[in-house]
Amino acid sequence: MVMPNFLVIGAAKAGTTALYSYLNQHPQVFMSPEKEPHFFAFEGEKVNFNGTAGAKEWLNRTAITDINIYQQQFREVSKEIAIGEASALYLYIPKAAIRIQYHIPKVKLIIILRNPVERAYSAFIFQKRDGLEPDFDFAQALKAEKSRIENNWVPIYYYQDMGFYYHQIKRYFDLFPQEQIRVYLYDDFTANPTQILQDAFRFLNVDDTFIPNTSTRHNVSGIPKSKALHEFLRAENHPVKTVLKPLIPKKIRRDVMLKLHNNNLEKAPPLAREIRQQLTDMYREDILKLQDLLQRDLSSWLVDKKG
C-alpha cells in the first residue's frame, strides 16, 4: 500500500490549512482527503482527549490510529509524484517524529512557523469563533492552561505551550537530515504565497511553474457577525445542505460556503499590549535558540507592538 513521501507537520494556526489547499491544486501532488489524519501522533492509541465537547469529539473521532486505515487515505493515488498529508499536531506531539522516522525515514517535511504570540491569540480566537472556548477572555484562558494540560484537554487549548518551537523543531533535526526539512515563516507565506509555494514545489520535485489560486483564505480566525449563519455553515447535516448536496458539485459548494464563512467574520479586537509583552518575554529565550537553530532572523517576533 502507498505511504506519503512528504508531510506538512505544523505548526497549528500558522497556515497549514491554506498550505494543504494550495498544494492540493497541483496536478502532480496528491493530498490525503482527510486533511489531518494525525496517524503518526496517535498510532496504536485510543484517542480520548478531554475539553469542550466539539473540540474533543472532533479529534477523538477523526484521528486515524491504524496503519491499514491510514493507507486507505492514499488508495486513489495514480501518477502523482508528491504524496502527502498535513497534520499540524505532528510538530507538537513528541511521539510523531519517532513514528514518522520509523515508517517513512526518507520523507520530506514541511514546517510553517508563526510568531508564537500571534499564533496563541489566533488559536484562542479560533476556538471562541466556534463556541469551543469556555473562558471569556484570553487572559483567563492562559491562566487555565496548566490545569487543561494536566486534565488532557485537546492540544489546541495549549495556547502558550504550543508556541515553544525550539524543542519541537530540534526533535526533527535530530532524526532527519536537514535536506529533508523545509521551514517557512507565516509572514513570508502570507506576504507572497506564490513564492513560498513554488519553493515548496521545487522541494517536492514537482513542476514549479504551476501557479495555484491563492485568493481564498482558509481557516480564518475572527468574530462571527451572524452566529446563526456561522452555525449553519459549520453544521455537517443541516437539512438545507442535505437538499443542495446532490444538486451542486462539491467544489462549488465548498467554495461558496468558504466565501460565506469568511465574509461573515470580522476582525477580533487586538491583543492587549500587556499580555503581548508578557508572552513575548516568556518566549524570548526559546525564540533566540530557535533563531540559532534555523539560522533565520526572528527578531521581528521580539519587537514590541501596539495592542
C-alpha atoms as a PDB file:
ATOM      1  CA  MET A   1       0.000   0.000   0.000  1.00  0.00           C
ATOM      2  CA  VAL A   2       1.059   3.614  -0.630  1.00  0.00           C
ATOM      3  CA  MET A   3       2.532   5.792   2.119  1.00  0.00           C
ATOM      4  CA  PRO A   4       3.154   9.539   1.839  1.00  0.00           C
ATOM      5  CA  ASN A   5       6.525  10.839   0.717  1.00  0.00           C
ATOM      6  CA  PHE A   6       6.015  14.269   2.275  1.00  0.00           C
ATOM      7  CA  LEU A   7       4.204  15.705   5.282  1.00  0.00           C
ATOM      8  CA  VAL A   8       3.150  19.176   6.393  1.00  0.00           C
ATOM      9  CA  ILE A   9       3.757  18.817  10.139  1.00  0.00           C
ATOM     10  CA  GLY A  10       2.703  22.179  11.616  1.00  0.00           C
ATOM     11  CA  ALA A  11       2.546  24.471  13.404  1.00  0.00           C
ATOM     12  CA  ALA A  12      -1.140  24.728  14.238  1.00  0.00           C
ATOM     13  CA  LYS A  13      -2.760  28.077  13.339  1.00  0.00           C
ATOM     14  CA  ALA A  14       0.236  29.007  11.209  1.00  0.00           C
ATOM     15  CA  GLY A  15      -1.173  28.484   7.721  1.00  0.00           C
ATOM     16  CA  THR A  16      -1.179  24.693   7.406  1.00  0.00           C
ATOM     17  CA  THR A  17      -4.764  24.560   6.111  1.00  0.00           C
ATOM     18  CA  ALA A  18      -4.029  27.096   3.380  1.00  0.00           C
ATOM     19  CA  LEU A  19      -0.802  25.295   2.505  1.00  0.00           C
ATOM     20  CA  TYR A  20      -2.684  21.985   2.272  1.00  0.00           C
ATOM     21  CA  SER A  21      -5.297  23.539  -0.016  1.00  0.00           C
ATOM     22  CA  TYR A  22      -2.820  25.270  -2.322  1.00  0.00           C
ATOM     23  CA  LEU A  23      -0.544  22.222  -2.611  1.00  0.00           C
ATOM     24  CA  ASN A  24      -3.606  20.130  -3.393  1.00  0.00           C
ATOM     25  CA  GLN A  25      -4.259  22.191  -6.524  1.00  0.00           C
ATOM     26  CA  HIS A  26      -1.044  20.978  -8.160  1.00  0.00           C
ATOM     27  CA  PRO A  27      -1.701  18.169 -10.677  1.00  0.00           C
ATOM     28  CA  GLN A  28       1.464  16.326  -9.596  1.00  0.00           C
ATOM     29  CA  VAL A  29       0.585  16.473  -5.882  1.00  0.00           C
ATOM     30  CA  PHE A  30      -1.813  14.147  -4.062  1.00  0.00           C
ATOM     31  CA  MET A  31      -3.054  15.244  -0.646  1.00  0.00           C
ATOM     32  CA  SER A  32      -4.993  12.914   1.641  1.00  0.00           C
ATOM     33  CA  PRO A  33      -8.757  13.605   1.530  1.00  0.00           C
ATOM     34  CA  GLU A  34      -8.718  13.796   5.343  1.00  0.00           C
ATOM     35  CA  LYS A  35      -6.680  16.944   5.917  1.00  0.00           C
ATOM     36  CA  GLU A  36      -5.420  15.932   9.361  1.00  0.00           C
ATOM     37  CA  PRO A  37      -5.275  12.137   9.831  1.00  0.00           C
ATOM     38  CA  HIS A  38      -2.851  12.551  12.782  1.00  0.00           C
ATOM     39  CA  PHE A  39      -1.731   8.931  12.349  1.00  0.00           C
ATOM     40  CA  PHE A  40       1.882   9.322  13.426  1.00  0.00           C
ATOM     41  CA  ALA A  41       0.876  11.257  16.549  1.00  0.00           C
ATOM     42  CA  PHE A  42      -1.556   8.615  17.812  1.00  0.00           C
ATOM     43  CA  GLU A  43      -0.639   5.313  16.150  1.00  0.00           C
ATOM     44  CA  GLY A  44      -1.995   2.354  18.116  1.00  0.00           C
ATOM     45  CA  GLU A  45      -3.651   4.537  20.757  1.00  0.00           C
ATOM     46  CA  LYS A  46      -7.218   5.036  21.885  1.00  0.00           C
ATOM     47  CA  VAL A  47      -7.567   8.778  21.392  1.00  0.00           C
ATOM     48  CA  ASN A  48      -9.510  10.111  24.342  1.00  0.00           C
ATOM     49  CA  PHE A  49      -8.882  13.810  24.924  1.00  0.00           C
ATOM     50  CA  ASN A  50     -10.927  15.974  27.276  1.00  0.00           C
ATOM     51  CA  GLY A  51     -12.066  19.575  26.842  1.00  0.00           C
ATOM     52  CA  THR A  52     -15.152  21.177  25.384  1.00  0.00           C
ATOM     53  CA  ALA A  53     -17.442  18.759  23.568  1.00  0.00           C
ATOM     54  CA  GLY A  54     -16.965  19.933  19.984  1.00  0.00           C
ATOM     55  CA  ALA A  55     -13.176  20.048  20.119  1.00  0.00           C
ATOM     56  CA  LYS A  56     -12.557  16.735  21.867  1.00  0.00           C
ATOM     57  CA  GLU A  57     -15.203  14.902  19.833  1.00  0.00           C
ATOM     58  CA  TRP A  58     -13.644  16.085  16.571  1.00  0.00           C
ATOM     59  CA  LEU A  59     -10.123  14.892  17.400  1.00  0.00           C
ATOM     60  CA  ASN A  60     -11.225  11.726  19.205  1.00  0.00           C
ATOM     61  CA  ARG A  61     -13.421  10.803  16.221  1.00  0.00           C
ATOM     62  CA  THR A  62     -11.192  11.753  13.281  1.00  0.00           C
ATOM     63  CA  ALA A  63      -7.700  10.716  14.396  1.00  0.00           C
ATOM     64  CA  ILE A  64      -6.585   7.620  12.465  1.00  0.00           C
ATOM     65  CA  THR A  65      -4.652   5.168  14.639  1.00  0.00           C
ATOM     66  CA  ASP A  66      -4.481   2.049  12.440  1.00  0.00           C
ATOM     67  CA  ILE A  67      -1.907   1.897   9.643  1.00  0.00           C
ATOM     68  CA  ASN A  68      -4.215  -0.010   7.291  1.00  0.00           C
ATOM     69  CA  ILE A  69      -6.905   2.651   7.626  1.00  0.00           C
ATOM     70  CA  TYR A  70      -4.251   5.347   7.237  1.00  0.00           C
ATOM     71  CA  GLN A  71      -3.009   3.831   3.990  1.00  0.00           C
ATOM     72  CA  GLN A  72      -6.560   3.957   2.649  1.00  0.00           C
ATOM     73  CA  GLN A  73      -6.132   7.742   2.566  1.00  0.00           C
ATOM     74  CA  PHE A  74      -3.794   7.227  -0.395  1.00  0.00           C
ATOM     75  CA  ARG A  75      -5.661   4.495  -2.280  1.00  0.00           C
ATOM     76  CA  GLU A  76      -6.599   6.864  -5.121  1.00  0.00           C
ATOM     77  CA  VAL A  77      -3.013   7.893  -5.874  1.00  0.00           C
ATOM     78  CA  SER A  78      -2.306   7.383  -9.568  1.00  0.00           C
ATOM     79  CA  LYS A  79       0.505   9.240 -11.337  1.00  0.00           C
ATOM     80  CA  GLU A  80       1.178  11.928  -8.740  1.00  0.00           C
ATOM     81  CA  ILE A  81       4.835  12.491  -7.810  1.00  0.00           C
ATOM     82  CA  ALA A  82       4.392  14.079  -4.381  1.00  0.00           C
ATOM     83  CA  ILE A  83       2.047  12.244  -1.990  1.00  0.00           C
ATOM     84  CA  GLY A  84       1.296  13.959   1.279  1.00  0.00           C
ATOM     85  CA  GLU A  85      -0.912  14.983   4.145  1.00  0.00           C
ATOM     86  CA  ALA A  86      -0.986  17.829   6.662  1.00  0.00           C
ATOM     87  CA  SER A  87      -1.408  17.155  10.384  1.00  0.00           C
ATOM     88  CA  ALA A  88      -0.472  20.183  12.472  1.00  0.00           C
ATOM     89  CA  LEU A  89      -0.058  18.200  15.706  1.00  0.00           C
ATOM     90  CA  TYR A  90       2.918  16.269  14.298  1.00  0.00           C
ATOM     91  CA  LEU A  91       5.178  19.140  15.298  1.00  0.00           C
ATOM     92  CA  TYR A  92       3.896  19.306  18.876  1.00  0.00           C
ATOM     93  CA  ILE A  93       3.346  15.652  19.842  1.00  0.00           C
ATOM     94  CA  PRO A  94       6.788  14.128  20.652  1.00  0.00           C
ATOM     95  CA  LYS A  95       5.839  10.638  19.503  1.00  0.00           C
ATOM     96  CA  ALA A  96       5.110  11.780  15.946  1.00  0.00           C
ATOM     97  CA  ALA A  97       8.710  12.428  14.899  1.00  0.00           C
ATOM     98  CA  ILE A  98       9.795   8.974  16.082  1.00  0.00           C
ATOM     99  CA  ARG A  99       6.957   7.161  14.279  1.00  0.00           C
ATOM    100  CA  ILE A 100       7.490   9.142  11.079  1.00  0.00           C
ATOM    101  CA  GLN A 101      11.178   8.252  11.123  1.00  0.00           C
ATOM    102  CA  TYR A 102      10.290   4.599  11.722  1.00  0.00           C
ATOM    103  CA  HIS A 103       7.710   4.291   8.927  1.00  0.00           C
ATOM    104  CA  ILE A 104       8.974   6.709   6.257  1.00  0.00           C
ATOM    105  CA  PRO A 105      12.592   7.740   7.014  1.00  0.00           C
ATOM    106  CA  LYS A 106      13.108   9.320   3.565  1.00  0.00           C
ATOM    107  CA  VAL A 107      10.029  11.543   3.877  1.00  0.00           C
ATOM    108  CA  LYS A 108      10.218  15.282   3.140  1.00  0.00           C
ATOM    109  CA  LEU A 109       8.891  17.520   5.890  1.00  0.00           C
ATOM    110  CA  ILE A 110       7.372  20.976   5.569  1.00  0.00           C
ATOM    111  CA  ILE A 111       7.060  23.205   8.633  1.00  0.00           C
ATOM    112  CA  ILE A 112       5.480  26.655   8.784  1.00  0.00           C
ATOM    113  CA  LEU A 113       6.023  28.781  11.889  1.00  0.00           C
ATOM    114  CA  ARG A 114       4.184  31.846  13.120  1.00  0.00           C
ATOM    115  CA  ASN A 115       5.159  34.383  15.767  1.00  0.00           C
ATOM    116  CA  PRO A 116       4.186  32.321  18.853  1.00  0.00           C
ATOM    117  CA  VAL A 117       2.332  35.236  20.451  1.00  0.00           C
ATOM    118  CA  GLU A 118       0.222  35.764  17.336  1.00  0.00           C
ATOM    119  CA  ARG A 119      -0.268  32.017  16.983  1.00  0.00           C
ATOM    120  CA  ALA A 120      -1.521  31.694  20.569  1.00  0.00           C
ATOM    121  CA  TYR A 121      -4.030  34.529  20.245  1.00  0.00           C
ATOM    122  CA  SER A 122      -5.212  33.279  16.847  1.00  0.00           C
ATOM    123  CA  ALA A 123      -5.845  29.821  18.319  1.00  0.00           C
ATOM    124  CA  PHE A 124      -7.872  31.392  21.145  1.00  0.00           C
ATOM    125  CA  ILE A 125      -9.972  33.470  18.711  1.00  0.00           C
ATOM    126  CA  PHE A 126     -10.435  30.410  16.504  1.00  0.00           C
ATOM    127  CA  GLN A 127     -11.877  28.462  19.439  1.00  0.00           C
ATOM    128  CA  LYS A 128     -14.031  31.413  20.510  1.00  0.00           C
ATOM    129  CA  ARG A 129     -15.300  31.723  16.929  1.00  0.00           C
ATOM    130  CA  ASP A 130     -16.762  28.230  17.046  1.00  0.00           C
ATOM    131  CA  GLY A 131     -18.059  28.444  20.627  1.00  0.00           C
ATOM    132  CA  LEU A 132     -15.420  25.991  21.875  1.00  0.00           C
ATOM    133  CA  GLU A 133     -13.532  28.238  24.309  1.00  0.00           C
ATOM    134  CA  PRO A 134     -15.272  28.359  27.717  1.00  0.00           C
ATOM    135  CA  ASP A 135     -13.314  31.285  29.186  1.00  0.00           C
ATOM    136  CA  PHE A 136     -14.466  34.788  28.430  1.00  0.00           C
ATOM    137  CA  ASP A 137     -11.115  36.334  27.627  1.00  0.00           C
ATOM    138  CA  PHE A 138      -7.592  35.370  26.607  1.00  0.00           C
ATOM    139  CA  ALA A 139      -6.048  36.186  29.982  1.00  0.00           C
ATOM    140  CA  GLN A 140      -8.411  33.767  31.724  1.00  0.00           C
ATOM    141  CA  ALA A 141      -7.654  31.052  29.170  1.00  0.00           C
ATOM    142  CA  LEU A 142      -3.921  31.497  29.714  1.00  0.00           C
ATOM    143  CA  LYS A 143      -4.379  31.096  33.468  1.00  0.00           C
ATOM    144  CA  ALA A 144      -6.399  27.917  32.876  1.00  0.00           C
ATOM    145  CA  GLU A 145      -3.786  26.333  30.613  1.00  0.00           C
ATOM    146  CA  LYS A 146      -1.800  24.448  33.271  1.00  0.00           C
ATOM    147  CA  SER A 147      -4.986  22.789  34.512  1.00  0.00           C
ATOM    148  CA  ARG A 148      -6.071  21.984  30.953  1.00  0.00           C
ATOM    149  CA  ILE A 149      -2.780  20.244  30.210  1.00  0.00           C
ATOM    150  CA  GLU A 150      -2.983  18.260  33.445  1.00  0.00           C
ATOM    151  CA  ASN A 151      -6.524  17.194  32.534  1.00  0.00           C
ATOM    152  CA  ASN A 152      -5.584  16.104  28.990  1.00  0.00           C
ATOM    153  CA  TRP A 153      -7.529  18.700  27.054  1.00  0.00           C
ATOM    154  CA  VAL A 154      -7.171  18.786  23.264  1.00  0.00           C
ATOM    155  CA  PRO A 155      -3.785  20.416  22.499  1.00  0.00           C
ATOM    156  CA  ILE A 156      -5.333  23.321  20.546  1.00  0.00           C
ATOM    157  CA  TYR A 157      -6.091  24.755  24.017  1.00  0.00           C
ATOM    158  CA  TYR A 158      -2.398  24.796  24.962  1.00  0.00           C
ATOM    159  CA  TYR A 159      -2.110  28.321  23.646  1.00  0.00           C
ATOM    160  CA  GLN A 160       1.221  29.103  25.305  1.00  0.00           C
ATOM    161  CA  ASP A 161       2.846  25.687  25.325  1.00  0.00           C
ATOM    162  CA  MET A 162       2.416  25.004  21.623  1.00  0.00           C
ATOM    163  CA  GLY A 163       4.481  28.106  20.835  1.00  0.00           C
ATOM    164  CA  PHE A 164       7.752  26.809  22.287  1.00  0.00           C
ATOM    165  CA  TYR A 165       9.050  25.742  18.907  1.00  0.00           C
ATOM    166  CA  TYR A 166      12.734  25.131  19.611  1.00  0.00           C
ATOM    167  CA  HIS A 167      12.463  21.633  21.099  1.00  0.00           C
ATOM    168  CA  GLN A 168       9.694  20.717  18.650  1.00  0.00           C
ATOM    169  CA  ILE A 169      11.904  21.560  15.658  1.00  0.00           C
ATOM    170  CA  LYS A 170      15.043  20.092  17.202  1.00  0.00           C
ATOM    171  CA  ARG A 171      13.342  16.688  17.523  1.00  0.00           C
ATOM    172  CA  TYR A 172      13.072  16.571  13.749  1.00  0.00           C
ATOM    173  CA  PHE A 173      16.545  17.990  13.153  1.00  0.00           C
ATOM    174  CA  ASP A 174      17.934  15.229  15.385  1.00  0.00           C
ATOM    175  CA  LEU A 175      16.123  12.462  13.466  1.00  0.00           C
ATOM    176  CA  PHE A 176      16.179  13.641   9.851  1.00  0.00           C
ATOM    177  CA  PRO A 177      18.820  15.126   7.526  1.00  0.00           C
ATOM    178  CA  GLN A 178      18.205  18.841   7.162  1.00  0.00           C
ATOM    179  CA  GLU A 179      17.895  18.489   3.378  1.00  0.00           C
ATOM    180  CA  GLN A 180      14.624  16.609   4.056  1.00  0.00           C
ATOM    181  CA  ILE A 181      13.181  19.533   6.032  1.00  0.00           C
ATOM    182  CA  ARG A 182      11.882  22.867   4.775  1.00  0.00           C
ATOM    183  CA  VAL A 183      10.902  25.565   7.276  1.00  0.00           C
ATOM    184  CA  TYR A 184       8.799  28.542   6.204  1.00  0.00           C
ATOM    185  CA  LEU A 185       7.614  31.579   8.138  1.00  0.00           C
ATOM    186  CA  TYR A 186       3.933  32.501   8.216  1.00  0.00           C
ATOM    187  CA  ASP A 187       4.639  36.177   7.494  1.00  0.00           C
ATOM    188  CA  ASP A 188       6.544  35.255   4.329  1.00  0.00           C
ATOM    189  CA  PHE A 189       3.758  32.891   3.298  1.00  0.00           C
ATOM    190  CA  THR A 190       1.010  35.488   3.718  1.00  0.00           C
ATOM    191  CA  ALA A 191       3.094  38.224   2.039  1.00  0.00           C
ATOM    192  CA  ASN A 192       3.998  36.151  -1.022  1.00  0.00           C
ATOM    193  CA  PRO A 193       2.268  32.754  -1.064  1.00  0.00           C
ATOM    194  CA  THR A 194       3.179  32.019  -4.688  1.00  0.00           C
ATOM    195  CA  GLN A 195       6.893  32.418  -4.000  1.00  0.00           C
ATOM    196  CA  ILE A 196       6.714  30.067  -0.998  1.00  0.00           C
ATOM    197  CA  LEU A 197       4.632  27.534  -2.918  1.00  0.00           C
ATOM    198  CA  GLN A 198       6.991  27.488  -5.861  1.00  0.00           C
ATOM    199  CA  ASP A 199       9.867  26.835  -3.490  1.00  0.00           C
ATOM    200  CA  ALA A 200       7.821  24.020  -1.941  1.00  0.00           C
ATOM    201  CA  PHE A 201       7.162  22.587  -5.396  1.00  0.00           C
ATOM    202  CA  ARG A 202      10.904  22.530  -6.092  1.00  0.00           C
ATOM    203  CA  PHE A 203      11.471  20.865  -2.724  1.00  0.00           C
ATOM    204  CA  LEU A 204       8.921  18.201  -3.676  1.00  0.00           C
ATOM    205  CA  ASN A 205      10.387  17.749  -7.170  1.00  0.00           C
ATOM    206  CA  VAL A 206       7.209  18.748  -8.992  1.00  0.00           C
ATOM    207  CA  ASP A 207       6.685  21.385 -11.669  1.00  0.00           C
ATOM    208  CA  ASP A 208       7.495  24.716 -10.009  1.00  0.00           C
ATOM    209  CA  THR A 209       5.982  26.768 -12.840  1.00  0.00           C
ATOM    210  CA  PHE A 210       2.468  25.826 -11.706  1.00  0.00           C
ATOM    211  CA  ILE A 211       0.657  28.832 -10.168  1.00  0.00           C
ATOM    212  CA  PRO A 212      -2.097  27.844  -7.703  1.00  0.00           C
ATOM    213  CA  ASN A 213      -5.053  30.087  -6.899  1.00  0.00           C
ATOM    214  CA  THR A 214      -4.201  31.635  -3.544  1.00  0.00           C
ATOM    215  CA  SER A 215      -7.033  34.182  -3.461  1.00  0.00           C
ATOM    216  CA  THR A 216      -9.177  32.230  -0.986  1.00  0.00           C
ATOM    217  CA  ARG A 217      -8.336  32.476   2.706  1.00  0.00           C
ATOM    218  CA  HIS A 218      -8.598  29.300   4.754  1.00  0.00           C
ATOM    219  CA  ASN A 219      -9.287  28.557   8.440  1.00  0.00           C
ATOM    220  CA  VAL A 220      -9.716  32.249   9.217  1.00  0.00           C
ATOM    221  CA  SER A 221      -9.982  33.318  12.853  1.00  0.00           C
ATOM    222  CA  GLY A 222     -12.422  36.089  13.664  1.00  0.00           C
ATOM    223  CA  ILE A 223     -15.698  37.009  15.328  1.00  0.00           C
ATOM    224  CA  PRO A 224     -18.915  35.927  13.528  1.00  0.00           C
ATOM    225  CA  LYS A 225     -21.181  38.808  12.563  1.00  0.00           C
ATOM    226  CA  SER A 226     -24.141  36.417  12.479  1.00  0.00           C
ATOM    227  CA  LYS A 227     -23.993  33.496  14.891  1.00  0.00           C
ATOM    228  CA  ALA A 228     -26.939  31.827  13.133  1.00  0.00           C
ATOM    229  CA  LEU A 229     -25.178  31.900   9.756  1.00  0.00           C
ATOM    230  CA  HIS A 230     -21.949  30.688  11.362  1.00  0.00           C
ATOM    231  CA  GLU A 231     -23.731  27.729  12.974  1.00  0.00           C
ATOM    232  CA  PHE A 232     -25.437  26.887   9.673  1.00  0.00           C
ATOM    233  CA  LEU A 233     -22.116  26.886   7.822  1.00  0.00           C
ATOM    234  CA  ARG A 234     -20.476  24.706  10.476  1.00  0.00           C
ATOM    235  CA  ALA A 235     -23.300  22.164  10.699  1.00  0.00           C
ATOM    236  CA  GLU A 236     -22.465  18.907   8.935  1.00  0.00           C
ATOM    237  CA  ASN A 237     -26.012  17.569   8.498  1.00  0.00           C
ATOM    238  CA  HIS A 238     -28.225  20.646   8.119  1.00  0.00           C
ATOM    239  CA  PRO A 239     -31.460  19.834   6.153  1.00  0.00           C
ATOM    240  CA  VAL A 240     -30.796  22.620   3.624  1.00  0.00           C
ATOM    241  CA  LYS A 241     -27.310  21.270   2.936  1.00  0.00           C
ATOM    242  CA  THR A 242     -28.734  17.779   2.535  1.00  0.00           C
ATOM    243  CA  VAL A 243     -31.139  19.024  -0.140  1.00  0.00           C
ATOM    244  CA  LEU A 244     -28.464  21.010  -2.005  1.00  0.00           C
ATOM    245  CA  LYS A 245     -25.761  18.344  -1.842  1.00  0.00           C
ATOM    246  CA  PRO A 246     -26.842  16.268  -4.889  1.00  0.00           C
ATOM    247  CA  LEU A 247     -27.702  19.395  -6.901  1.00  0.00           C
ATOM    248  CA  ILE A 248     -24.450  21.363  -6.632  1.00  0.00           C
ATOM    249  CA  PRO A 249     -20.947  19.995  -7.370  1.00  0.00           C
ATOM    250  CA  LYS A 250     -18.758  19.516  -4.303  1.00  0.00           C
ATOM    251  CA  LYS A 251     -16.111  22.077  -5.293  1.00  0.00           C
ATOM    252  CA  ILE A 252     -18.703  24.787  -5.938  1.00  0.00           C
ATOM    253  CA  ARG A 253     -20.452  24.017  -2.633  1.00  0.00           C
ATOM    254  CA  ARG A 254     -17.147  24.188  -0.781  1.00  0.00           C
ATOM    255  CA  ASP A 255     -16.069  27.455  -2.414  1.00  0.00           C
ATOM    256  CA  VAL A 256     -19.424  29.142  -1.784  1.00  0.00           C
ATOM    257  CA  MET A 257     -19.512  28.007   1.848  1.00  0.00           C
ATOM    258  CA  LEU A 258     -15.961  29.222   2.389  1.00  0.00           C
ATOM    259  CA  LYS A 259     -16.703  32.660   0.944  1.00  0.00           C
ATOM    260  CA  LEU A 260     -19.872  32.974   3.044  1.00  0.00           C
ATOM    261  CA  HIS A 261     -17.913  31.895   6.102  1.00  0.00           C
ATOM    262  CA  ASN A 262     -15.087  34.404   5.567  1.00  0.00           C
ATOM    263  CA  ASN A 263     -17.463  37.271   4.729  1.00  0.00           C
ATOM    264  CA  ASN A 264     -19.345  36.595   7.965  1.00  0.00           C
ATOM    265  CA  LEU A 265     -16.235  37.165  10.088  1.00  0.00           C
ATOM    266  CA  GLU A 266     -14.928  40.436  11.405  1.00  0.00           C
ATOM    267  CA  LYS A 267     -11.535  41.038  12.944  1.00  0.00           C
ATOM    268  CA  ALA A 268     -11.098  40.201  16.593  1.00  0.00           C
ATOM    269  CA  PRO A 269     -10.074  43.005  18.954  1.00  0.00           C
ATOM    270  CA  PRO A 270      -6.291  43.451  19.108  1.00  0.00           C
ATOM    271  CA  LEU A 271      -4.345  41.575  21.735  1.00  0.00           C
ATOM    272  CA  ALA A 272      -3.852  43.675  24.868  1.00  0.00           C
ATOM    273  CA  ARG A 273      -0.352  45.151  24.921  1.00  0.00           C
ATOM    274  CA  GLU A 274       0.448  43.925  28.428  1.00  0.00           C
ATOM    275  CA  ILE A 275      -0.444  40.326  27.506  1.00  0.00           C
ATOM    276  CA  ARG A 276       1.552  40.599  24.292  1.00  0.00           C
ATOM    277  CA  GLN A 277       4.598  41.785  26.223  1.00  0.00           C
ATOM    278  CA  GLN A 278       4.143  39.099  28.876  1.00  0.00           C
ATOM    279  CA  LEU A 279       4.068  36.359  26.239  1.00  0.00           C
ATOM    280  CA  THR A 280       6.939  37.850  24.243  1.00  0.00           C
ATOM    281  CA  ASP A 281       9.100  37.883  27.367  1.00  0.00           C
ATOM    282  CA  MET A 282       8.124  34.283  28.092  1.00  0.00           C
ATOM    283  CA  TYR A 283       9.086  33.146  24.576  1.00  0.00           C
ATOM    284  CA  ARG A 284      12.254  35.268  24.275  1.00  0.00           C
ATOM    285  CA  GLU A 285      14.811  32.601  25.174  1.00  0.00           C
ATOM    286  CA  ASP A 286      13.084  29.971  23.035  1.00  0.00           C
ATOM    287  CA  ILE A 287      12.948  32.330  20.048  1.00  0.00           C
ATOM    288  CA  LEU A 288      16.654  33.141  20.324  1.00  0.00           C
ATOM    289  CA  LYS A 289      17.545  29.431  20.468  1.00  0.00           C
ATOM    290  CA  LEU A 290      15.269  28.727  17.514  1.00  0.00           C
ATOM    291  CA  GLN A 291      16.854  31.574  15.571  1.00  0.00           C
ATOM    292  CA  ASP A 292      20.280  29.971  16.049  1.00  0.00           C
ATOM    293  CA  LEU A 293      18.968  26.512  15.157  1.00  0.00           C
ATOM    294  CA  LEU A 294      17.325  27.684  11.929  1.00  0.00           C
ATOM    295  CA  GLN A 295      19.904  30.350  11.086  1.00  0.00           C
ATOM    296  CA  ARG A 296      16.989  32.683  10.406  1.00  0.00           C
ATOM    297  CA  ASP A 297      16.370  36.218  11.649  1.00  0.00           C
ATOM    298  CA  LEU A 298      13.401  36.064  14.029  1.00  0.00           C
ATOM    299  CA  SER A 299      13.975  39.463  15.649  1.00  0.00           C
ATOM    300  CA  SER A 300      10.579  40.704  14.424  1.00  0.00           C
ATOM    301  CA  TRP A 301       8.966  38.261  16.853  1.00  0.00           C
ATOM    302  CA  LEU A 302      10.613  40.123  19.738  1.00  0.00           C
ATOM    303  CA  VAL A 303       9.583  43.626  18.720  1.00  0.00           C
ATOM    304  CA  ASP A 304       7.097  45.370  20.996  1.00  0.00           C
ATOM    305  CA  LYS A 305       3.890  46.027  19.078  1.00  0.00           C
ATOM    306  CA  LYS A 306       0.982  48.219  19.962  1.00  0.00           C
ATOM    307  CA  GLY A 307      -2.053  46.448  21.415  1.00  0.00           C
END
